């Protein structure tokens, strides 16, 4: 009988914890609100092709700007690496160069695997 009580109490506790999960309900309501807002926005964009084109162009410009920013950060990183290597004694440069290349190769492999 003790094992049956354990099962019943487990089921009751599980049910009680599910009922206390207000966050699940709040998240679901938020998603419904987002969906409704998206639906409304799409209807407005469908009704105004000029506005849709303007928004599309603005998004393309923003993406291009983000790519330029990422490229600039990459160039800054490259300059930082060059500066750091130039400060290293000549006898250690080759070793550090190999180490940096290894790190870079590993990071690039990780990035390519994520795609």
PDB file of N, CA and C in Angstrom:
ATOM      1  N   UNK A   1       0.825  -1.200   0.000  1.00  0.00           N
ATOM      2  CA  UNK A   1       0.000   0.000   0.000  1.00  0.00           C
ATOM      3  C   UNK A   1       0.867   1.262   0.000  1.00  0.00           C
ATOM      4  N   UNK A   2       2.029   1.158   0.625  1.00  0.00           N
ATOM      5  CA  UNK A   2       2.909   2.322   0.713  1.00  0.00           C
ATOM      6  C   UNK A   2       3.347   2.786  -0.670  1.00  0.00           C
ATOM      7  N   UNK A   3       3.617   1.830  -1.567  1.00  0.00           N
ATOM      8  CA  UNK A   3       4.058   2.216  -2.897  1.00  0.00           C
ATOM      9  C   UNK A   3       2.930   2.896  -3.672  1.00  0.00           C
ATOM     10  N   UNK A   4       1.686   2.469  -3.464  1.00  0.00           N
ATOM     11  CA  UNK A   4       0.546   3.119  -4.125  1.00  0.00           C
ATOM     12  C   UNK A   4       0.409   4.560  -3.645  1.00  0.00           C
ATOM     13  N   UNK A   5       0.612   4.781  -2.352  1.00  0.00           N
ATOM     14  CA  UNK A   5       0.538   6.147  -1.819  1.00  0.00           C
ATOM     15  C   UNK A   5       1.641   7.010  -2.401  1.00  0.00           C
ATOM     16  N   UNK A   6       2.829   6.414  -2.590  1.00  0.00           N
ATOM     17  CA  UNK A   6       3.930   7.162  -3.200  1.00  0.00           C
ATOM     18  C   UNK A   6       3.582   7.575  -4.626  1.00  0.00           C
ATOM     19  N   UNK A   7       2.976   6.663  -5.360  1.00  0.00           N
ATOM     20  CA  UNK A   7       2.582   6.955  -6.737  1.00  0.00           C
ATOM     21  C   UNK A   7       1.531   8.060  -6.756  1.00  0.00           C
ATOM     22  N   UNK A   8       0.531   7.929  -5.896  1.00  0.00           N
ATOM     23  CA  UNK A   8      -0.544   8.933  -5.842  1.00  0.00           C
ATOM     24  C   UNK A   8       0.013  10.290  -5.436  1.00  0.00           C
ATOM     25  N   UNK A   9       0.878  10.305  -4.422  1.00  0.00           N
ATOM     26  CA  UNK A   9       1.426  11.591  -3.986  1.00  0.00           C
ATOM     27  C   UNK A   9       2.319  12.195  -5.070  1.00  0.00           C
ATOM     28  N   UNK A  10       3.045  11.357  -5.818  1.00  0.00           N
ATOM     29  CA  UNK A  10       3.863  11.862  -6.922  1.00  0.00           C
ATOM     30  C   UNK A  10       3.000  12.488  -8.004  1.00  0.00           C
ATOM     31  N   UNK A  11       1.906  11.820  -8.335  1.00  0.00           N
ATOM     32  CA  UNK A  11       0.997  12.344  -9.362  1.00  0.00           C
ATOM     33  C   UNK A  11       0.387  13.667  -8.892  1.00  0.00           C
ATOM     34  N   UNK A  12      -0.035  13.708  -7.633  1.00  0.00           N
ATOM     35  CA  UNK A  12      -0.627  14.935  -7.097  1.00  0.00           C
ATOM     36  C   UNK A  12       0.385  16.077  -7.080  1.00  0.00           C
ATOM     37  N   UNK A  13       1.620  15.786  -6.663  1.00  0.00           N
ATOM     38  CA  UNK A  13       2.663  16.824  -6.651  1.00  0.00           C
ATOM     39  C   UNK A  13       2.963  17.306  -8.060  1.00  0.00           C
ATOM     40  N   UNK A  14       3.049  16.366  -9.011  1.00  0.00           N
ATOM     41  CA  UNK A  14       3.310  16.740 -10.402  1.00  0.00           C
ATOM     42  C   UNK A  14       2.201  17.600 -10.974  1.00  0.00           C
ATOM     43  N   UNK A  15       0.958  17.229 -10.679  1.00  0.00           N
ATOM     44  CA  UNK A  15      -0.190  18.002 -11.151  1.00  0.00           C
ATOM     45  C   UNK A  15      -0.195  19.389 -10.517  1.00  0.00           C
ATOM     46  N   UNK A  16       0.101  19.436  -9.229  1.00  0.00           N
ATOM     47  CA  UNK A  16       0.121  20.714  -8.519  1.00  0.00           C
ATOM     48  C   UNK A  16       1.204  21.629  -9.095  1.00  0.00           C
ATOM     49  N   UNK A  17       2.381  21.067  -9.375  1.00  0.00           N
ATOM     50  CA  UNK A  17       3.453  21.902  -9.927  1.00  0.00           C
ATOM     51  C   UNK A  17       3.111  22.393 -11.330  1.00  0.00           C
ATOM     52  N   UNK A  18       2.397  21.566 -12.114  1.00  0.00           N
ATOM     53  CA  UNK A  18       1.980  22.011 -13.446  1.00  0.00           C
ATOM     54  C   UNK A  18       0.975  23.153 -13.345  1.00  0.00           C
ATOM     55  N   UNK A  19       0.076  23.056 -12.384  1.00  0.00           N
ATOM     56  CA  UNK A  19      -0.929  24.101 -12.231  1.00  0.00           C
ATOM     57  C   UNK A  19      -0.305  25.408 -11.741  1.00  0.00           C
ATOM     58  N   UNK A  20       0.815  25.322 -11.039  1.00  0.00           N
ATOM     59  CA  UNK A  20       1.476  26.523 -10.551  1.00  0.00           C
ATOM     60  C   UNK A  20       2.388  27.155 -11.594  1.00  0.00           C
ATOM     61  N   UNK A  21       2.460  26.579 -12.741  1.00  0.00           N
ATOM     62  CA  UNK A  21       3.333  27.099 -13.791  1.00  0.00           C
ATOM     63  C   UNK A  21       2.647  28.225 -14.548  1.00  0.00           C
ATOM     64  N   UNK A  22       2.442  29.340 -13.839  1.00  0.00           N
ATOM     65  CA  UNK A  22       1.802  30.489 -14.498  1.00  0.00           C
ATOM     66  C   UNK A  22       2.655  30.997 -15.648  1.00  0.00           C
ATOM     67  N   UNK A  23       3.952  30.811 -15.524  1.00  0.00           N
ATOM     68  CA  UNK A  23       4.829  31.313 -16.577  1.00  0.00           C
ATOM     69  C   UNK A  23       4.506  30.687 -17.916  1.00  0.00           C
ATOM     70  N   UNK A  24       4.085  29.439 -17.915  1.00  0.00           N
ATOM     71  CA  UNK A  24       3.708  28.781 -19.158  1.00  0.00           C
ATOM     72  C   UNK A  24       2.525  29.501 -19.799  1.00  0.00           C
ATOM     73  N   UNK A  25       1.546  29.840 -18.986  1.00  0.00           N
ATOM     74  CA  UNK A  25       0.360  30.545 -19.484  1.00  0.00           C
ATOM     75  C   UNK A  25       0.725  31.951 -19.932  1.00  0.00           C
ATOM     76  N   UNK A  26       1.531  32.642 -19.132  1.00  0.00           N
ATOM     77  CA  UNK A  26       1.946  34.003 -19.489  1.00  0.00           C
ATOM     78  C   UNK A  26       2.722  33.989 -20.800  1.00  0.00           C
ATOM     79  N   UNK A  27       3.649  33.030 -20.950  1.00  0.00           N
ATOM     80  CA  UNK A  27       4.414  32.919 -22.192  1.00  0.00           C
ATOM     81  C   UNK A  27       3.502  32.661 -23.388  1.00  0.00           C
ATOM     82  N   UNK A  28       2.529  31.800 -23.209  1.00  0.00           N
ATOM     83  CA  UNK A  28       1.602  31.485 -24.299  1.00  0.00           C
ATOM     84  C   UNK A  28       0.792  32.715 -24.697  1.00  0.00           C
ATOM     85  N   UNK A  29       0.332  33.467 -23.706  1.00  0.00           N
ATOM     86  CA  UNK A  29      -0.442  34.683 -23.994  1.00  0.00           C
ATOM     87  C   UNK A  29       0.440  35.706 -24.710  1.00  0.00           C
ATOM     88  N   UNK A  30       1.679  35.850 -24.266  1.00  0.00           N
ATOM     89  CA  UNK A  30       2.589  36.785 -24.919  1.00  0.00           C
ATOM     90  C   UNK A  30       2.810  36.404 -26.377  1.00  0.00           C
ATOM     91  N   UNK A  31       2.966  35.117 -26.645  1.00  0.00           N
ATOM     92  CA  UNK A  31       3.141  34.658 -28.019  1.00  0.00           C
ATOM     93  C   UNK A  31       1.897  34.945 -28.863  1.00  0.00           C
ATOM     94  N   UNK A  32       0.721  34.754 -28.272  1.00  0.00           N
ATOM     95  CA  UNK A  32      -0.521  35.058 -28.997  1.00  0.00           C
ATOM     96  C   UNK A  32      -0.610  36.543 -29.322  1.00  0.00           C
ATOM     97  N   UNK A  33      -0.223  37.380 -28.374  1.00  0.00           N
ATOM     98  CA  UNK A  33      -0.236  38.833 -28.600  1.00  0.00           C
ATOM     99  C   UNK A  33       0.749  39.193 -29.706  1.00  0.00           C
ATOM    100  N   UNK A  34       1.941  38.607 -29.656  1.00  0.00           N
ATOM    101  CA  UNK A  34       2.933  38.868 -30.706  1.00  0.00           C
ATOM    102  C   UNK A  34       2.404  38.448 -32.070  1.00  0.00           C
ATOM    103  N   UNK A  35       1.784  37.271 -32.128  1.00  0.00           N
ATOM    104  CA  UNK A  35       1.230  36.792 -33.394  1.00  0.00           C
ATOM    105  C   UNK A  35       0.168  37.745 -33.927  1.00  0.00           C
ATOM    106  N   UNK A  36      -0.672  38.249 -33.036  1.00  0.00           N
ATOM    107  CA  UNK A  36      -1.732  39.171 -33.459  1.00  0.00           C
ATOM    108  C   UNK A  36      -1.136  40.485 -33.963  1.00  0.00           C
ATOM    109  N   UNK A  37      -0.112  40.967 -33.283  1.00  0.00           N
ATOM    110  CA  UNK A  37       0.551  42.207 -33.722  1.00  0.00           C
ATOM    111  C   UNK A  37       1.199  41.990 -35.084  1.00  0.00           C
ATOM    112  N   UNK A  38       1.857  40.865 -35.262  1.00  0.00           N
ATOM    113  CA  UNK A  38       2.477  40.553 -36.556  1.00  0.00           C
ATOM    114  C   UNK A  38       1.423  40.496 -37.659  1.00  0.00           C
ATOM    115  N   UNK A  39       0.297  39.861 -37.356  1.00  0.00           N
ATOM    116  CA  UNK A  39      -0.783  39.753 -38.334  1.00  0.00           C
ATOM    117  C   UNK A  39      -1.275  41.148 -38.742  1.00  0.00           C
ATOM    118  N   UNK A  40      -1.430  42.018 -37.748  1.00  0.00           N
ATOM    119  CA  UNK A  40      -1.887  43.386 -38.010  1.00  0.00           C
ATOM    120  C   UNK A  40      -0.859  44.145 -38.853  1.00  0.00           C
ATOM    121  N   UNK A  41       0.414  43.995 -38.504  1.00  0.00           N
ATOM    122  CA  UNK A  41       1.466  44.692 -39.250  1.00  0.00           C
ATOM    123  C   UNK A  41       1.556  44.190 -40.689  1.00  0.00           C
ATOM    124  N   UNK A  42       1.430  42.866 -40.864  1.00  0.00           N
ATOM    125  CA  UNK A  42       1.471  42.315 -42.222  1.00  0.00           C
ATOM    126  C   UNK A  42       0.305  42.844 -43.065  1.00  0.00           C
ATOM    127  N   UNK A  43      -0.850  42.956 -42.447  1.00  0.00           N
ATOM    128  CA  UNK A  43      -2.014  43.475 -43.173  1.00  0.00           C
ATOM    129  C   UNK A  43      -1.750  44.913 -43.621  1.00  0.00           C
ATOM    130  N   UNK A  44      -1.170  45.718 -42.730  1.00  0.00           N
ATOM    131  CA  UNK A  44      -0.855  47.107 -43.084  1.00  0.00           C
ATOM    132  C   UNK A  44       0.187  47.162 -44.207  1.00  0.00           C
ATOM    133  N   UNK A  45       1.197  46.293 -44.139  1.00  0.00           N
ATOM    134  CA  UNK A  45       2.224  46.266 -45.184  1.00  0.00           C
ATOM    135  C   UNK A  45       1.658  45.765 -46.505  1.00  0.00           C
ATOM    136  N   UNK A  46       0.762  44.798 -46.453  1.00  0.00           N
ATOM    137  CA  UNK A  46       0.128  44.297 -47.678  1.00  0.00           C
ATOM    138  C   UNK A  46      -0.721  45.379 -48.334  1.00  0.00           C
ATOM    139  N   UNK A  47      -1.298  46.237 -47.518  1.00  0.00           N
ATOM    140  CA  UNK A  47      -2.151  47.309 -48.038  1.00  0.00           C
ATOM    141  C   UNK A  47      -1.339  48.472 -48.594  1.00  0.00           C
ATOM    142  N   UNK A  48      -0.060  48.555 -48.243  1.00  0.00           N
ATOM    143  CA  UNK A  48       0.781  49.679 -48.668  1.00  0.00           C
ATOM    144  C   UNK A  48       2.107  49.160 -49.217  1.00  0.00           C
ATOM    145  N   UNK A  49       2.149  48.822 -50.516  1.00  0.00           N
ATOM    146  CA  UNK A  49       3.372  48.277 -51.117  1.00  0.00           C
ATOM    147  C   UNK A  49       4.581  49.219 -51.013  1.00  0.00           C
ATOM    148  N   UNK A  50       4.335  50.525 -51.041  1.00  0.00           N
ATOM    149  CA  UNK A  50       5.445  51.483 -50.936  1.00  0.00           C
ATOM    150  C   UNK A  50       6.089  51.390 -49.548  1.00  0.00           C
ATOM    151  N   UNK A  51       5.265  51.269 -48.529  1.00  0.00           N
ATOM    152  CA  UNK A  51       5.776  51.144 -47.167  1.00  0.00           C
ATOM    153  C   UNK A  51       6.536  49.825 -47.009  1.00  0.00           C
ATOM    154  N   UNK A  52       6.002  48.761 -47.607  1.00  0.00           N
ATOM    155  CA  UNK A  52       6.681  47.452 -47.558  1.00  0.00           C
ATOM    156  C   UNK A  52       8.065  47.563 -48.206  1.00  0.00           C
ATOM    157  N   UNK A  53       8.143  48.210 -49.357  1.00  0.00           N
ATOM    158  CA  UNK A  53       9.428  48.366 -50.055  1.00  0.00           C
ATOM    159  C   UNK A  53      10.401  49.211 -49.230  1.00  0.00           C
ATOM    160  N   UNK A  54       9.874  50.267 -48.609  1.00  0.00           N
ATOM    161  CA  UNK A  54      10.712  51.133 -47.777  1.00  0.00           C
ATOM    162  C   UNK A  54      11.275  50.364 -46.577  1.00  0.00           C
ATOM    163  N   UNK A  55      10.430  49.561 -45.950  1.00  0.00           N
ATOM    164  CA  UNK A  55      10.868  48.752 -44.813  1.00  0.00           C
ATOM    165  C   UNK A  55      11.912  47.737 -45.252  1.00  0.00           C
ATOM    166  N   UNK A  56      11.676  47.097 -46.383  1.00  0.00           N
ATOM    167  CA  UNK A  56      12.630  46.110 -46.897  1.00  0.00           C
ATOM    168  C   UNK A  56      13.986  46.749 -47.157  1.00  0.00           C
ATOM    169  N   UNK A  57      13.984  47.933 -47.751  1.00  0.00           N
ATOM    170  CA  UNK A  57      15.240  48.644 -48.036  1.00  0.00           C
ATOM    171  C   UNK A  57      15.948  49.022 -46.739  1.00  0.00           C
ATOM    172  N   UNK A  58      15.191  49.495 -45.751  1.00  0.00           N
ATOM    173  CA  UNK A  58      15.784  49.876 -44.470  1.00  0.00           C
ATOM    174  C   UNK A  58      16.422  48.672 -43.776  1.00  0.00           C
ATOM    175  N   UNK A  59      15.770  47.526 -43.845  1.00  0.00           N
ATOM    176  CA  UNK A  59      16.316  46.312 -43.242  1.00  0.00           C
ATOM    177  C   UNK A  59      17.587  45.889 -43.967  1.00  0.00           C
ATOM    178  N   UNK A  60      17.583  45.968 -45.280  1.00  0.00           N
ATOM    179  CA  UNK A  60      18.790  45.629 -46.044  1.00  0.00           C
ATOM    180  C   UNK A  60      19.944  46.548 -45.666  1.00  0.00           C
ATOM    181  N   UNK A  61      19.662  47.850 -45.505  1.00  0.00           N
ATOM    182  CA  UNK A  61      20.701  48.810 -45.113  1.00  0.00           C
ATOM    183  C   UNK A  61      21.229  48.496 -43.712  1.00  0.00           C
ATOM    184  N   UNK A  62      20.328  48.115 -42.816  1.00  0.00           N
ATOM    185  CA  UNK A  62      20.749  47.786 -41.458  1.00  0.00           C
ATOM    186  C   UNK A  62      21.649  46.543 -41.465  1.00  0.00           C
ATOM    187  N   UNK A  63      21.279  45.521 -42.223  1.00  0.00           N
ATOM    188  CA  UNK A  63      22.096  44.318 -42.312  1.00  0.00           C
ATOM    189  C   UNK A  63      23.471  44.624 -42.902  1.00  0.00           C
ATOM    190  N   UNK A  64      23.484  45.455 -43.922  1.00  0.00           N
ATOM    191  CA  UNK A  64      24.756  45.843 -44.530  1.00  0.00           C
ATOM    192  C   UNK A  64      25.627  46.595 -43.528  1.00  0.00           C
ATOM    193  N   UNK A  65      25.027  47.486 -42.760  1.00  0.00           N
ATOM    194  CA  UNK A  65      25.770  48.224 -41.740  1.00  0.00           C
ATOM    195  C   UNK A  65      26.345  47.282 -40.682  1.00  0.00           C
ATOM    196  N   UNK A  66      25.559  46.275 -40.292  1.00  0.00           N
ATOM    197  CA  UNK A  66      26.039  45.291 -39.311  1.00  0.00           C
ATOM    198  C   UNK A  66      27.226  44.508 -39.872  1.00  0.00           C
ATOM    199  N   UNK A  67      27.172  44.175 -41.160  1.00  0.00           N
ATOM    200  CA  UNK A  67      28.286  43.470 -41.790  1.00  0.00           C
ATOM    201  C   UNK A  67      29.538  44.344 -41.831  1.00  0.00           C
ATOM    202  N   UNK A  68      29.355  45.624 -42.127  1.00  0.00           N
ATOM    203  CA  UNK A  68      30.496  46.550 -42.122  1.00  0.00           C
ATOM    204  C   UNK A  68      31.091  46.648 -40.716  1.00  0.00           C
ATOM    205  N   UNK A  69      30.224  46.696 -39.716  1.00  0.00           N
ATOM    206  CA  UNK A  69      30.685  46.768 -38.332  1.00  0.00           C
ATOM    207  C   UNK A  69      31.488  45.518 -37.963  1.00  0.00           C
ATOM    208  N   UNK A  70      30.982  44.360 -38.345  1.00  0.00           N
ATOM    209  CA  UNK A  70      31.679  43.105 -38.043  1.00  0.00           C
ATOM    210  C   UNK A  70      33.036  43.071 -38.746  1.00  0.00           C
ATOM    211  N   UNK A  71      33.069  43.541 -39.968  1.00  0.00           N
ATOM    212  CA  UNK A  71      34.330  43.571 -40.726  1.00  0.00           C
ATOM    213  C   UNK A  71      35.330  44.529 -40.070  1.00  0.00           C
ATOM    214  N   UNK A  72      34.845  45.678 -39.630  1.00  0.00           N
ATOM    215  CA  UNK A  72      35.724  46.640 -38.961  1.00  0.00           C
ATOM    216  C   UNK A  72      36.278  46.053 -37.661  1.00  0.00           C
ATOM    217  N   UNK A  73      35.452  45.343 -36.918  1.00  0.00           N
ATOM    218  CA  UNK A  73      35.921  44.710 -35.688  1.00  0.00           C
ATOM    219  C   UNK A  73      36.968  43.640 -35.984  1.00  0.00           C
ATOM    220  N   UNK A  74      36.777  42.918 -37.061  1.00  0.00           N
ATOM    221  CA  UNK A  74      37.754  41.922 -37.481  1.00  0.00           C
ATOM    222  C   UNK A  74      39.091  42.587 -37.814  1.00  0.00           C
ATOM    223  N   UNK A  75      39.030  43.709 -38.520  1.00  0.00           N
ATOM    224  CA  UNK A  75      40.246  44.438 -38.869  1.00  0.00           C
ATOM    225  C   UNK A  75      40.943  44.981 -37.620  1.00  0.00           C
ATOM    226  N   UNK A  76      40.165  45.435 -36.645  1.00  0.00           N
ATOM    227  CA  UNK A  76      40.744  45.919 -35.386  1.00  0.00           C
ATOM    228  C   UNK A  76      41.435  44.766 -34.657  1.00  0.00           C
ATOM    229  N   UNK A  77      40.795  43.621 -34.650  1.00  0.00           N
ATOM    230  CA  UNK A  77      41.400  42.443 -34.030  1.00  0.00           C
ATOM    231  C   UNK A  77      42.706  42.061 -34.706  1.00  0.00           C
ATOM    232  N   UNK A  78      42.720  42.136 -36.021  1.00  0.00           N
ATOM    233  CA  UNK A  78      43.934  41.828 -36.789  1.00  0.00           C
ATOM    234  C   UNK A  78      45.052  42.799 -36.420  1.00  0.00           C
ATOM    235  N   UNK A  79      44.718  44.084 -36.337  1.00  0.00           N
ATOM    236  CA  UNK A  79      45.718  45.089 -35.960  1.00  0.00           C
ATOM    237  C   UNK A  79      46.221  44.844 -34.534  1.00  0.00           C
ATOM    238  N   UNK A  80      45.315  44.476 -33.649  1.00  0.00           N
ATOM    239  CA  UNK A  80      45.713  44.175 -32.271  1.00  0.00           C
ATOM    240  C   UNK A  80      46.665  42.995 -32.215  1.00  0.00           C
ATOM    241  N   UNK A  81      46.377  41.966 -33.007  1.00  0.00           N
ATOM    242  CA  UNK A  81      47.258  40.798 -33.050  1.00  0.00           C
ATOM    243  C   UNK A  81      48.626  41.184 -33.596  1.00  0.00           C
ATOM    244  N   UNK A  82      48.638  41.984 -34.666  1.00  0.00           N
ATOM    245  CA  UNK A  82      49.922  42.436 -35.240  1.00  0.00           C
ATOM    246  C   UNK A  82      50.713  43.237 -34.213  1.00  0.00           C
ATOM    247  N   UNK A  83      50.029  44.126 -33.519  1.00  0.00           N
ATOM    248  CA  UNK A  83      50.695  44.948 -32.511  1.00  0.00           C
ATOM    249  C   UNK A  83      51.271  44.070 -31.400  1.00  0.00           C
ATOM    250  N   UNK A  84      50.467  43.112 -30.951  1.00  0.00           N
ATOM    251  CA  UNK A  84      50.930  42.208 -29.904  1.00  0.00           C
ATOM    252  C   UNK A  84      52.138  41.402 -30.345  1.00  0.00           C
ATOM    253  N   UNK A  85      52.115  40.899 -31.566  1.00  0.00           N
ATOM    254  CA  UNK A  85      53.242  40.112 -32.085  1.00  0.00           C
ATOM    255  C   UNK A  85      54.483  40.987 -32.238  1.00  0.00           C
ATOM    256  N   UNK A  86      54.291  42.235 -32.652  1.00  0.00           N
ATOM    257  CA  UNK A  86      55.455  43.117 -32.817  1.00  0.00           C
ATOM    258  C   UNK A  86      56.138  43.419 -31.487  1.00  0.00           C
ATOM    259  N   UNK A  87      55.431  43.260 -30.391  1.00  0.00           N
ATOM    260  CA  UNK A  87      56.007  43.526 -29.069  1.00  0.00           C
ATOM    261  C   UNK A  87      56.729  42.303 -28.497  1.00  0.00           C
ATOM    262  N   UNK A  88      56.552  41.168 -29.133  1.00  0.00           N
ATOM    263  CA  UNK A  88      57.163  39.922 -28.659  1.00  0.00           C
ATOM    264  C   UNK A  88      58.606  39.859 -29.173  1.00  0.00           C
ATOM    265  N   UNK A  89      59.512  39.360 -28.340  1.00  0.00           N
ATOM    266  CA  UNK A  89      60.902  39.200 -28.811  1.00  0.00           C
ATOM    267  C   UNK A  89      60.950  38.319 -30.062  1.00  0.00           C
ATOM    268  N   UNK A  90      61.835  38.636 -30.994  1.00  0.00           N
ATOM    269  CA  UNK A  90      61.900  37.914 -32.277  1.00  0.00           C
ATOM    270  C   UNK A  90      62.012  36.401 -32.134  1.00  0.00           C
ATOM    271  N   UNK A  91      62.701  35.914 -31.139  1.00  0.00           N
ATOM    272  CA  UNK A  91      62.884  34.468 -31.000  1.00  0.00           C
ATOM    273  C   UNK A  91      61.589  33.758 -30.619  1.00  0.00           C
ATOM    274  N   UNK A  92      60.594  34.482 -30.096  1.00  0.00           N
ATOM    275  CA  UNK A  92      59.318  33.870 -29.699  1.00  0.00           C
ATOM    276  C   UNK A  92      58.217  34.051 -30.742  1.00  0.00           C
ATOM    277  N   UNK A  93      58.439  34.899 -31.721  1.00  0.00           N
ATOM    278  CA  UNK A  93      57.395  35.234 -32.699  1.00  0.00           C
ATOM    279  C   UNK A  93      56.885  34.024 -33.465  1.00  0.00           C
ATOM    280  N   UNK A  94      57.784  33.179 -33.904  1.00  0.00           N
ATOM    281  CA  UNK A  94      57.367  32.021 -34.704  1.00  0.00           C
ATOM    282  C   UNK A  94      56.450  31.117 -33.885  1.00  0.00           C
ATOM    283  N   UNK A  95      56.844  30.859 -32.642  1.00  0.00           N
ATOM    284  CA  UNK A  95      56.029  30.002 -31.768  1.00  0.00           C
ATOM    285  C   UNK A  95      54.655  30.615 -31.530  1.00  0.00           C
ATOM    286  N   UNK A  96      54.625  31.895 -31.255  1.00  0.00           N
ATOM    287  CA  UNK A  96      53.347  32.582 -31.012  1.00  0.00           C
ATOM    288  C   UNK A  96      52.512  32.612 -32.292  1.00  0.00           C
ATOM    289  N   UNK A  97      53.143  32.800 -33.416  1.00  0.00           N
ATOM    290  CA  UNK A  97      52.430  32.788 -34.691  1.00  0.00           C
ATOM    291  C   UNK A  97      51.731  31.461 -34.926  1.00  0.00           C
ATOM    292  N   UNK A  98      52.435  30.367 -34.638  1.00  0.00           N
ATOM    293  CA  UNK A  98      51.820  29.037 -34.790  1.00  0.00           C
ATOM    294  C   UNK A  98      50.654  28.867 -33.823  1.00  0.00           C
ATOM    295  N   UNK A  99      50.829  29.342 -32.597  1.00  0.00           N
ATOM    296  CA  UNK A  99      49.770  29.226 -31.592  1.00  0.00           C
ATOM    297  C   UNK A  99      48.533  30.027 -32.012  1.00  0.00           C
ATOM    298  N   UNK A 100      48.738  31.251 -32.483  1.00  0.00           N
ATOM    299  CA  UNK A 100      47.615  32.079 -32.945  1.00  0.00           C
ATOM    300  C   UNK A 100      46.908  31.433 -34.136  1.00  0.00           C
ATOM    301  N   UNK A 101      47.676  30.874 -35.057  1.00  0.00           N
ATOM    302  CA  UNK A 101      47.083  30.218 -36.222  1.00  0.00           C
ATOM    303  C   UNK A 101      46.245  29.023 -35.778  1.00  0.00           C
ATOM    304  N   UNK A 102      46.738  28.290 -34.790  1.00  0.00           N
ATOM    305  CA  UNK A 102      45.998  27.133 -34.270  1.00  0.00           C
ATOM    306  C   UNK A 102      44.682  27.570 -33.637  1.00  0.00           C
ATOM    307  N   UNK A 103      44.738  28.619 -32.838  1.00  0.00           N
ATOM    308  CA  UNK A 103      43.518  29.139 -32.194  1.00  0.00           C
ATOM    309  C   UNK A 103      42.520  29.598 -33.250  1.00  0.00           C
ATOM    310  N   UNK A 104      43.015  30.340 -34.230  1.00  0.00           N
ATOM    311  CA  UNK A 104      42.150  30.852 -35.295  1.00  0.00           C
ATOM    312  C   UNK A 104      41.506  29.697 -36.059  1.00  0.00           C
ATOM    313  N   UNK A 105      42.294  28.677 -36.356  1.00  0.00           N
ATOM    314  CA  UNK A 105      41.780  27.523 -37.090  1.00  0.00           C
ATOM    315  C   UNK A 105      40.679  26.817 -36.298  1.00  0.00           C
ATOM    316  N   UNK A 106      40.883  26.652 -35.009  1.00  0.00           N
ATOM    317  CA  UNK A 106      39.881  26.000 -34.163  1.00  0.00           C
ATOM    318  C   UNK A 106      38.584  26.812 -34.130  1.00  0.00           C
ATOM    319  N   UNK A 107      38.708  28.114 -33.973  1.00  0.00           N
ATOM    320  CA  UNK A 107      37.519  28.970 -33.915  1.00  0.00           C
ATOM    321  C   UNK A 107      36.769  28.968 -35.240  1.00  0.00           C
ATOM    322  N   UNK A 108      37.488  28.998 -36.331  1.00  0.00           N
ATOM    323  CA  UNK A 108      36.834  28.963 -37.646  1.00  0.00           C
ATOM    324  C   UNK A 108      36.123  27.623 -37.845  1.00  0.00           C
ATOM    325  N   UNK A 109      36.745  26.540 -37.403  1.00  0.00           N
ATOM    326  CA  UNK A 109      36.102  25.225 -37.514  1.00  0.00           C
ATOM    327  C   UNK A 109      34.801  25.190 -36.725  1.00  0.00           C
ATOM    328  N   UNK A 110      34.819  25.758 -35.519  1.00  0.00           N
ATOM    329  CA  UNK A 110      33.599  25.812 -34.699  1.00  0.00           C
ATOM    330  C   UNK A 110      32.502  26.593 -35.406  1.00  0.00           C
ATOM    331  N   UNK A 111      32.874  27.730 -35.996  1.00  0.00           N
ATOM    332  CA  UNK A 111      31.888  28.568 -36.692  1.00  0.00           C
ATOM    333  C   UNK A 111      31.290  27.829 -37.878  1.00  0.00           C
ATOM    334  N   UNK A 112      32.139  27.139 -38.629  1.00  0.00           N
ATOM    335  CA  UNK A 112      31.645  26.426 -39.807  1.00  0.00           C
ATOM    336  C   UNK A 112      30.781  25.233 -39.422  1.00  0.00           C
ATOM    337  N   UNK A 113      31.066  24.605 -38.294  1.00  0.00           N
ATOM    338  CA  UNK A 113      30.257  23.478 -37.835  1.00  0.00           C
ATOM    339  C   UNK A 113      28.866  23.934 -37.400  1.00  0.00           C
ATOM    340  N   UNK A 114      28.741  25.160 -36.932  1.00  0.00           N
ATOM    341  CA  UNK A 114      27.455  25.678 -36.458  1.00  0.00           C
ATOM    342  C   UNK A 114      26.494  25.903 -37.607  1.00  0.00           C
ATOM    343  N   UNK A 115      26.976  26.083 -38.795  1.00  0.00           N
ATOM    344  CA  UNK A 115      26.099  26.353 -39.938  1.00  0.00           C
ATOM    345  C   UNK A 115      25.432  25.133 -40.372  1.00  0.00           C
TER     346      UNK A 115
END
